[in-house]
Amino acid sequence: MNVKTDISFKKLALTKANTQMVAVTAIASFITVFCLIGANYLLGIRSYQARIITADKSADSNLIADNVARNKLVSAYKKFVDQNPNILGSNNTTGSYVYNNASVILDALPSTYDFPALTSSLQKLQNVGGVTLSSIGGTDQSTSVSSAATSSPSPVQMPFTLSVNQTSYTAIQKLFAAMLLSIRPLQIDSMTLSGSDTNINLSINAHTYFQPGMKFNISTETISK
């Protein structure tokens, strides 16, 4: 028996076995790592899809609730608008003009800044109060005051001035009474009286309001992976 040949054969077999073991271990490690990465990716996809499903169900629930609220709002609005007599105690229709509650609200609190319309409505006070307005003044701020609809609108002041010359105390009382009856809220900030009981000069600094329309914001939600 050749001892050297036998030893060489055993070394070769051992080296081959070690090589095979290393290869098998490397392949097993690769498969294990690949499976772990794949499993982690699939778990992330599952978590992402679960969040989408939850958000979708929540959106559907909100949509159903919003639709119910919308139907109730439409019903309440129609009931309010069609009320006859209206909130002022007048008929909804006067001649060819429809004067329902919606028209009353828009006349009392317009949704846009319109200074010429304000001065036009103030000129009617002299017809009701029996006085002659010497002047109607103020600054038209249409270029600086925004009438754009917002998600949370609030009343915006519109200042103006009134002047009455050579009038009587009784006529001034009628003017104030007419201002109180105005469909638009008129708030007096200050006034100045001069002259005698039968020849009074009156200057008024006052303001009324307008309120921009309501804007409903529809938002979107991004679900990150």
C-alpha atoms as a PDB file:
ATOM      1  CA  MET A   1       0.000   0.000   0.000  1.00  0.00           C
ATOM      2  CA  ASN A   2       1.212   3.438  -0.972  1.00  0.00           C
ATOM      3  CA  VAL A   3       0.819   5.512   2.181  1.00  0.00           C
ATOM      4  CA  LYS A   4       1.544   8.848   0.499  1.00  0.00           C
ATOM      5  CA  THR A   5      -1.083   8.279  -2.169  1.00  0.00           C
ATOM      6  CA  ASP A   6      -3.634   7.264   0.434  1.00  0.00           C
ATOM      7  CA  ILE A   7      -2.958  10.407   2.505  1.00  0.00           C
ATOM      8  CA  SER A   8      -3.194  12.631  -0.575  1.00  0.00           C
ATOM      9  CA  PHE A   9      -6.495  11.061  -1.527  1.00  0.00           C
ATOM     10  CA  LYS A  10      -7.880  11.665   1.970  1.00  0.00           C
ATOM     11  CA  LYS A  11      -6.716  15.308   1.897  1.00  0.00           C
ATOM     12  CA  LEU A  12      -8.341  15.797  -1.490  1.00  0.00           C
ATOM     13  CA  ALA A  13     -11.604  14.297  -0.291  1.00  0.00           C
ATOM     14  CA  LEU A  14     -11.514  16.439   2.848  1.00  0.00           C
ATOM     15  CA  THR A  15     -10.814  19.583   0.833  1.00  0.00           C
ATOM     16  CA  LYS A  16     -13.654  18.753  -1.533  1.00  0.00           C
ATOM     17  CA  ALA A  17     -15.996  18.145   1.387  1.00  0.00           C
ATOM     18  CA  ASN A  18     -14.992  21.458   2.966  1.00  0.00           C
ATOM     19  CA  THR A  19     -15.546  23.228  -0.304  1.00  0.00           C
ATOM     20  CA  GLN A  20     -18.971  21.679  -0.663  1.00  0.00           C
ATOM     21  CA  MET A  21     -19.810  22.600   2.936  1.00  0.00           C
ATOM     22  CA  VAL A  22     -18.747  26.212   2.373  1.00  0.00           C
ATOM     23  CA  ALA A  23     -20.779  26.385  -0.819  1.00  0.00           C
ATOM     24  CA  VAL A  24     -23.847  24.882   0.857  1.00  0.00           C
ATOM     25  CA  THR A  25     -23.445  27.239   3.819  1.00  0.00           C
ATOM     26  CA  ALA A  26     -23.101  30.242   1.505  1.00  0.00           C
ATOM     27  CA  ILE A  27     -26.166  29.228  -0.497  1.00  0.00           C
ATOM     28  CA  ALA A  28     -28.159  28.612   2.677  1.00  0.00           C
ATOM     29  CA  SER A  29     -27.074  31.980   4.074  1.00  0.00           C
ATOM     30  CA  PHE A  30     -28.048  33.704   0.807  1.00  0.00           C
ATOM     31  CA  ILE A  31     -31.444  32.004   0.783  1.00  0.00           C
ATOM     32  CA  THR A  32     -31.985  32.890   4.445  1.00  0.00           C
ATOM     33  CA  VAL A  33     -31.060  36.545   3.920  1.00  0.00           C
ATOM     34  CA  PHE A  34     -33.190  36.707   0.761  1.00  0.00           C
ATOM     35  CA  CYS A  35     -36.166  35.205   2.617  1.00  0.00           C
ATOM     36  CA  LEU A  36     -35.737  37.644   5.503  1.00  0.00           C
ATOM     37  CA  ILE A  37     -35.569  40.633   3.137  1.00  0.00           C
ATOM     38  CA  GLY A  38     -38.549  39.326   1.162  1.00  0.00           C
ATOM     39  CA  ALA A  39     -40.533  38.678   4.336  1.00  0.00           C
ATOM     40  CA  ASN A  40     -39.755  42.193   5.633  1.00  0.00           C
ATOM     41  CA  TYR A  41     -40.820  43.712   2.292  1.00  0.00           C
ATOM     42  CA  LEU A  42     -44.046  41.712   2.246  1.00  0.00           C
ATOM     43  CA  LEU A  43     -44.780  42.727   5.849  1.00  0.00           C
ATOM     44  CA  GLY A  44     -44.268  46.384   4.858  1.00  0.00           C
ATOM     45  CA  ILE A  45     -46.635  45.967   1.876  1.00  0.00           C
ATOM     46  CA  ARG A  46     -49.191  44.283   4.133  1.00  0.00           C
ATOM     47  CA  SER A  47     -48.948  47.115   6.686  1.00  0.00           C
ATOM     48  CA  TYR A  48     -49.274  49.726   3.916  1.00  0.00           C
ATOM     49  CA  GLN A  49     -52.296  48.001   2.395  1.00  0.00           C
ATOM     50  CA  ALA A  50     -53.877  47.712   5.853  1.00  0.00           C
ATOM     51  CA  ARG A  51     -53.480  51.466   6.379  1.00  0.00           C
ATOM     52  CA  ILE A  52     -55.035  52.129   2.964  1.00  0.00           C
ATOM     53  CA  ILE A  53     -57.988  49.879   3.757  1.00  0.00           C
ATOM     54  CA  THR A  54     -58.491  51.581   7.135  1.00  0.00           C
ATOM     55  CA  ALA A  55     -58.318  55.050   5.562  1.00  0.00           C
ATOM     56  CA  ASP A  56     -60.687  53.972   2.775  1.00  0.00           C
ATOM     57  CA  LYS A  57     -63.236  52.689   5.285  1.00  0.00           C
ATOM     58  CA  SER A  58     -62.919  55.922   7.291  1.00  0.00           C
ATOM     59  CA  ALA A  59     -63.417  58.014   4.128  1.00  0.00           C
ATOM     60  CA  ASP A  60     -66.495  55.977   3.189  1.00  0.00           C
ATOM     61  CA  SER A  61     -67.914  56.452   6.677  1.00  0.00           C
ATOM     62  CA  ASN A  62     -67.274  60.210   6.553  1.00  0.00           C
ATOM     63  CA  LEU A  63     -68.806  60.426   3.083  1.00  0.00           C
ATOM     64  CA  ILE A  64     -71.979  58.714   4.260  1.00  0.00           C
ATOM     65  CA  ALA A  65     -72.214  61.030   7.280  1.00  0.00           C
ATOM     66  CA  ASP A  66     -71.538  64.096   5.102  1.00  0.00           C
ATOM     67  CA  ASN A  67     -74.225  63.034   2.635  1.00  0.00           C
ATOM     68  CA  VAL A  68     -76.764  62.692   5.455  1.00  0.00           C
ATOM     69  CA  ALA A  69     -75.771  66.134   6.800  1.00  0.00           C
ATOM     70  CA  ARG A  70     -75.979  67.588   3.293  1.00  0.00           C
ATOM     71  CA  ASN A  71     -79.536  66.311   2.810  1.00  0.00           C
ATOM     72  CA  LYS A  72     -80.554  67.763   6.177  1.00  0.00           C
ATOM     73  CA  LEU A  73     -78.925  71.097   5.292  1.00  0.00           C
ATOM     74  CA  VAL A  74     -80.688  71.278   1.922  1.00  0.00           C
ATOM     75  CA  SER A  75     -84.016  70.478   3.557  1.00  0.00           C
ATOM     76  CA  ALA A  76     -83.498  73.103   6.292  1.00  0.00           C
ATOM     77  CA  TYR A  77     -82.388  75.704   3.723  1.00  0.00           C
ATOM     78  CA  LYS A  78     -85.450  75.153   1.532  1.00  0.00           C
ATOM     79  CA  LYS A  79     -87.709  75.403   4.564  1.00  0.00           C
ATOM     80  CA  PHE A  80     -86.000  78.654   5.622  1.00  0.00           C
ATOM     81  CA  VAL A  81     -86.071  80.200   2.147  1.00  0.00           C
ATOM     82  CA  ASP A  82     -89.683  79.251   1.409  1.00  0.00           C
ATOM     83  CA  GLN A  83     -90.975  80.605   4.732  1.00  0.00           C
ATOM     84  CA  ASN A  84     -93.925  82.886   4.031  1.00  0.00           C
ATOM     85  CA  PRO A  85     -94.133  85.500   5.390  1.00  0.00           C
ATOM     86  CA  ASN A  86     -90.390  85.969   5.549  1.00  0.00           C
ATOM     87  CA  ILE A  87     -88.371  86.902   8.644  1.00  0.00           C
ATOM     88  CA  LEU A  88     -89.356  90.551   8.159  1.00  0.00           C
ATOM     89  CA  GLY A  89     -93.039  89.640   8.175  1.00  0.00           C
ATOM     90  CA  SER A  90     -93.474  90.414   4.460  1.00  0.00           C
ATOM     91  CA  ASN A  91     -94.679  88.227   1.624  1.00  0.00           C
ATOM     92  CA  ASN A  92     -92.053  86.279  -0.279  1.00  0.00           C
ATOM     93  CA  THR A  93     -93.041  87.969  -3.539  1.00  0.00           C
ATOM     94  CA  THR A  94     -93.663  91.668  -3.958  1.00  0.00           C
ATOM     95  CA  GLY A  95     -94.659  92.365  -7.542  1.00  0.00           C
ATOM     96  CA  SER A  96     -92.033  90.775  -9.755  1.00  0.00           C
ATOM     97  CA  TYR A  97     -89.382  90.774  -7.032  1.00  0.00           C
ATOM     98  CA  VAL A  98     -88.826  87.622  -5.027  1.00  0.00           C
ATOM     99  CA  TYR A  99     -88.042  88.665  -1.476  1.00  0.00           C
ATOM    100  CA  ASN A 100     -87.465  85.380   0.312  1.00  0.00           C
ATOM    101  CA  ASN A 101     -85.327  84.917   3.402  1.00  0.00           C
ATOM    102  CA  ALA A 102     -82.187  84.273   1.346  1.00  0.00           C
ATOM    103  CA  SER A 103     -82.635  87.651  -0.364  1.00  0.00           C
ATOM    104  CA  VAL A 104     -83.164  89.320   3.006  1.00  0.00           C
ATOM    105  CA  ILE A 105     -79.929  87.868   4.396  1.00  0.00           C
ATOM    106  CA  LEU A 106     -77.915  88.869   1.317  1.00  0.00           C
ATOM    107  CA  ASP A 107     -79.329  92.407   1.464  1.00  0.00           C
ATOM    108  CA  ALA A 108     -78.533  92.664   5.167  1.00  0.00           C
ATOM    109  CA  LEU A 109     -75.037  91.165   4.925  1.00  0.00           C
ATOM    110  CA  PRO A 110     -73.716  91.148   1.325  1.00  0.00           C
ATOM    111  CA  SER A 111     -70.970  88.705   0.408  1.00  0.00           C
ATOM    112  CA  THR A 112     -68.889  91.274  -1.516  1.00  0.00           C
ATOM    113  CA  TYR A 113     -67.472  94.718  -0.798  1.00  0.00           C
ATOM    114  CA  ASP A 114     -69.600  97.122  -2.876  1.00  0.00           C
ATOM    115  CA  PHE A 115     -69.257 100.727  -1.743  1.00  0.00           C
ATOM    116  CA  PRO A 116     -71.400 102.238  -4.569  1.00  0.00           C
ATOM    117  CA  ALA A 117     -74.248  99.906  -3.561  1.00  0.00           C
ATOM    118  CA  LEU A 118     -73.867 101.084   0.045  1.00  0.00           C
ATOM    119  CA  THR A 119     -74.100 104.758  -0.906  1.00  0.00           C
ATOM    120  CA  SER A 120     -77.141 103.976  -3.061  1.00  0.00           C
ATOM    121  CA  SER A 121     -78.903 102.292  -0.141  1.00  0.00           C
ATOM    122  CA  LEU A 122     -77.969 105.185   2.185  1.00  0.00           C
ATOM    123  CA  GLN A 123     -79.550 107.684  -0.205  1.00  0.00           C
ATOM    124  CA  LYS A 124     -82.882 105.963   0.404  1.00  0.00           C
ATOM    125  CA  LEU A 125     -82.729 107.064   4.041  1.00  0.00           C
ATOM    126  CA  GLN A 126     -83.679 110.604   3.092  1.00  0.00           C
ATOM    127  CA  ASN A 127     -86.818 109.364   1.381  1.00  0.00           C
ATOM    128  CA  VAL A 128     -87.842 107.423   4.499  1.00  0.00           C
ATOM    129  CA  GLY A 129     -86.605 109.857   7.138  1.00  0.00           C
ATOM    130  CA  GLY A 130     -87.882 112.974   5.432  1.00  0.00           C
ATOM    131  CA  VAL A 131     -84.466 114.680   5.510  1.00  0.00           C
ATOM    132  CA  THR A 132     -82.094 115.795   2.794  1.00  0.00           C
ATOM    133  CA  LEU A 133     -78.634 114.281   3.044  1.00  0.00           C
ATOM    134  CA  SER A 134     -76.033 116.910   2.247  1.00  0.00           C
ATOM    135  CA  SER A 135     -73.339 114.346   1.576  1.00  0.00           C
ATOM    136  CA  ILE A 136     -72.516 110.662   1.801  1.00  0.00           C
ATOM    137  CA  GLY A 137     -68.810 109.997   2.090  1.00  0.00           C
ATOM    138  CA  GLY A 138     -66.190 107.447   2.847  1.00  0.00           C
ATOM    139  CA  THR A 139     -63.303 105.712   1.143  1.00  0.00           C
ATOM    140  CA  ASP A 140     -63.930 103.070  -1.469  1.00  0.00           C
ATOM    141  CA  GLN A 141     -61.558 100.308  -0.376  1.00  0.00           C
ATOM    142  CA  SER A 142     -62.514  97.804  -3.070  1.00  0.00           C
ATOM    143  CA  THR A 143     -58.882  97.570  -4.220  1.00  0.00           C
ATOM    144  CA  SER A 144     -57.534  96.763  -0.751  1.00  0.00           C
ATOM    145  CA  VAL A 145     -60.384  94.819   0.884  1.00  0.00           C
ATOM    146  CA  SER A 146     -60.721  91.237  -0.297  1.00  0.00           C
ATOM    147  CA  SER A 147     -64.147  89.733  -0.972  1.00  0.00           C
ATOM    148  CA  ALA A 148     -62.711  86.277  -1.692  1.00  0.00           C
ATOM    149  CA  ALA A 149     -64.496  83.360  -0.080  1.00  0.00           C
ATOM    150  CA  THR A 150     -62.720  81.763   2.893  1.00  0.00           C
ATOM    151  CA  SER A 151     -63.183  78.680   5.028  1.00  0.00           C
ATOM    152  CA  SER A 152     -63.964  80.804   8.119  1.00  0.00           C
ATOM    153  CA  PRO A 153     -65.564  84.086   7.007  1.00  0.00           C
ATOM    154  CA  SER A 154     -66.329  86.884   9.456  1.00  0.00           C
ATOM    155  CA  PRO A 155     -68.008  90.306   9.067  1.00  0.00           C
ATOM    156  CA  VAL A 156     -65.810  93.102   7.701  1.00  0.00           C
ATOM    157  CA  GLN A 157     -66.510  96.752   8.530  1.00  0.00           C
ATOM    158  CA  MET A 158     -67.373  99.283   5.825  1.00  0.00           C
ATOM    159  CA  PRO A 159     -66.986 102.807   7.273  1.00  0.00           C
ATOM    160  CA  PHE A 160     -68.924 105.745   5.840  1.00  0.00           C
ATOM    161  CA  THR A 161     -70.008 109.300   6.739  1.00  0.00           C
ATOM    162  CA  LEU A 162     -73.309 111.165   6.521  1.00  0.00           C
ATOM    163  CA  SER A 163     -73.960 114.890   6.679  1.00  0.00           C
ATOM    164  CA  VAL A 164     -77.253 116.755   7.080  1.00  0.00           C
ATOM    165  CA  ASN A 165     -77.378 120.574   7.031  1.00  0.00           C
ATOM    166  CA  GLN A 166     -80.062 123.026   8.166  1.00  0.00           C
ATOM    167  CA  THR A 167     -82.509 120.469   9.464  1.00  0.00           C
ATOM    168  CA  SER A 168     -84.697 120.181  12.546  1.00  0.00           C
ATOM    169  CA  TYR A 169     -84.556 118.025  15.648  1.00  0.00           C
ATOM    170  CA  THR A 170     -87.699 116.183  14.508  1.00  0.00           C
ATOM    171  CA  ALA A 171     -86.144 115.394  11.109  1.00  0.00           C
ATOM    172  CA  ILE A 172     -83.036 114.024  12.820  1.00  0.00           C
ATOM    173  CA  GLN A 173     -85.216 111.752  14.953  1.00  0.00           C
ATOM    174  CA  LYS A 174     -86.842 110.433  11.772  1.00  0.00           C
ATOM    175  CA  LEU A 175     -83.419 109.865  10.220  1.00  0.00           C
ATOM    176  CA  PHE A 176     -82.262 107.794  13.208  1.00  0.00           C
ATOM    177  CA  ALA A 177     -85.534 105.849  13.134  1.00  0.00           C
ATOM    178  CA  ALA A 178     -84.975 105.104   9.442  1.00  0.00           C
ATOM    179  CA  MET A 179     -81.414 103.939  10.157  1.00  0.00           C
ATOM    180  CA  LEU A 180     -82.745 101.571  12.814  1.00  0.00           C
ATOM    181  CA  LEU A 181     -85.194 100.113  10.280  1.00  0.00           C
ATOM    182  CA  SER A 182     -82.522  99.652   7.605  1.00  0.00           C
ATOM    183  CA  ILE A 183     -82.101  96.093   6.358  1.00  0.00           C
ATOM    184  CA  ARG A 184     -78.350  96.568   6.681  1.00  0.00           C
ATOM    185  CA  PRO A 185     -76.927  96.943  10.194  1.00  0.00           C
ATOM    186  CA  LEU A 186     -75.755 100.546  10.593  1.00  0.00           C
ATOM    187  CA  GLN A 187     -73.640 101.319  13.650  1.00  0.00           C
ATOM    188  CA  ILE A 188     -72.898 104.932  14.570  1.00  0.00           C
ATOM    189  CA  ASP A 189     -69.348 105.470  15.814  1.00  0.00           C
ATOM    190  CA  SER A 190     -69.573 109.204  16.486  1.00  0.00           C
ATOM    191  CA  MET A 191     -71.668 112.233  15.567  1.00  0.00           C
ATOM    192  CA  THR A 192     -71.468 115.994  15.806  1.00  0.00           C
ATOM    193  CA  LEU A 193     -74.409 118.414  16.235  1.00  0.00           C
ATOM    194  CA  SER A 194     -74.195 122.165  15.766  1.00  0.00           C
ATOM    195  CA  GLY A 195     -76.592 125.072  15.222  1.00  0.00           C
ATOM    196  CA  SER A 196     -79.953 125.857  16.792  1.00  0.00           C
ATOM    197  CA  ASP A 197     -83.087 123.816  17.496  1.00  0.00           C
ATOM    198  CA  THR A 198     -84.580 124.640  14.094  1.00  0.00           C
ATOM    199  CA  ASN A 199     -81.357 124.821  12.104  1.00  0.00           C
ATOM    200  CA  ILE A 200     -79.200 121.848  13.017  1.00  0.00           C
ATOM    201  CA  ASN A 201     -76.132 120.564  11.203  1.00  0.00           C
ATOM    202  CA  LEU A 202     -75.411 116.868  11.748  1.00  0.00           C
ATOM    203  CA  SER A 203     -72.276 114.873  10.891  1.00  0.00           C
ATOM    204  CA  ILE A 204     -72.163 111.090  11.434  1.00  0.00           C
ATOM    205  CA  ASN A 205     -69.278 108.642  11.328  1.00  0.00           C
ATOM    206  CA  ALA A 206     -70.652 105.124  11.086  1.00  0.00           C
ATOM    207  CA  HIS A 207     -70.055 101.723   9.583  1.00  0.00           C
ATOM    208  CA  THR A 208     -71.895  98.715   8.251  1.00  0.00           C
ATOM    209  CA  TYR A 209     -70.654  95.253   7.281  1.00  0.00           C
ATOM    210  CA  PHE A 210     -70.198  92.732   4.538  1.00  0.00           C
ATOM    211  CA  GLN A 211     -69.136  89.128   4.940  1.00  0.00           C
ATOM    212  CA  PRO A 212     -67.211  87.083   2.336  1.00  0.00           C
ATOM    213  CA  GLY A 213     -68.725  83.827   1.230  1.00  0.00           C
ATOM    214  CA  MET A 214     -67.949  80.438   2.699  1.00  0.00           C
ATOM    215  CA  LYS A 215     -65.364  78.302   0.933  1.00  0.00           C
ATOM    216  CA  PHE A 216     -65.397  74.569   1.534  1.00  0.00           C
ATOM    217  CA  ASN A 217     -61.910  73.097   1.372  1.00  0.00           C
ATOM    218  CA  ILE A 218     -61.602  69.521   0.149  1.00  0.00           C
ATOM    219  CA  SER A 219     -58.327  68.133   1.424  1.00  0.00           C
ATOM    220  CA  THR A 220     -56.347  65.087   0.354  1.00  0.00           C
ATOM    221  CA  GLU A 221     -54.390  62.661   2.501  1.00  0.00           C
ATOM    222  CA  THR A 222     -51.234  60.860   1.433  1.00  0.00           C
ATOM    223  CA  ILE A 223     -50.527  57.498   3.020  1.00  0.00           C
ATOM    224  CA  SER A 224     -46.812  56.893   3.037  1.00  0.00           C
ATOM    225  CA  LYS A 225     -45.326  53.484   2.635  1.00  0.00           C
END
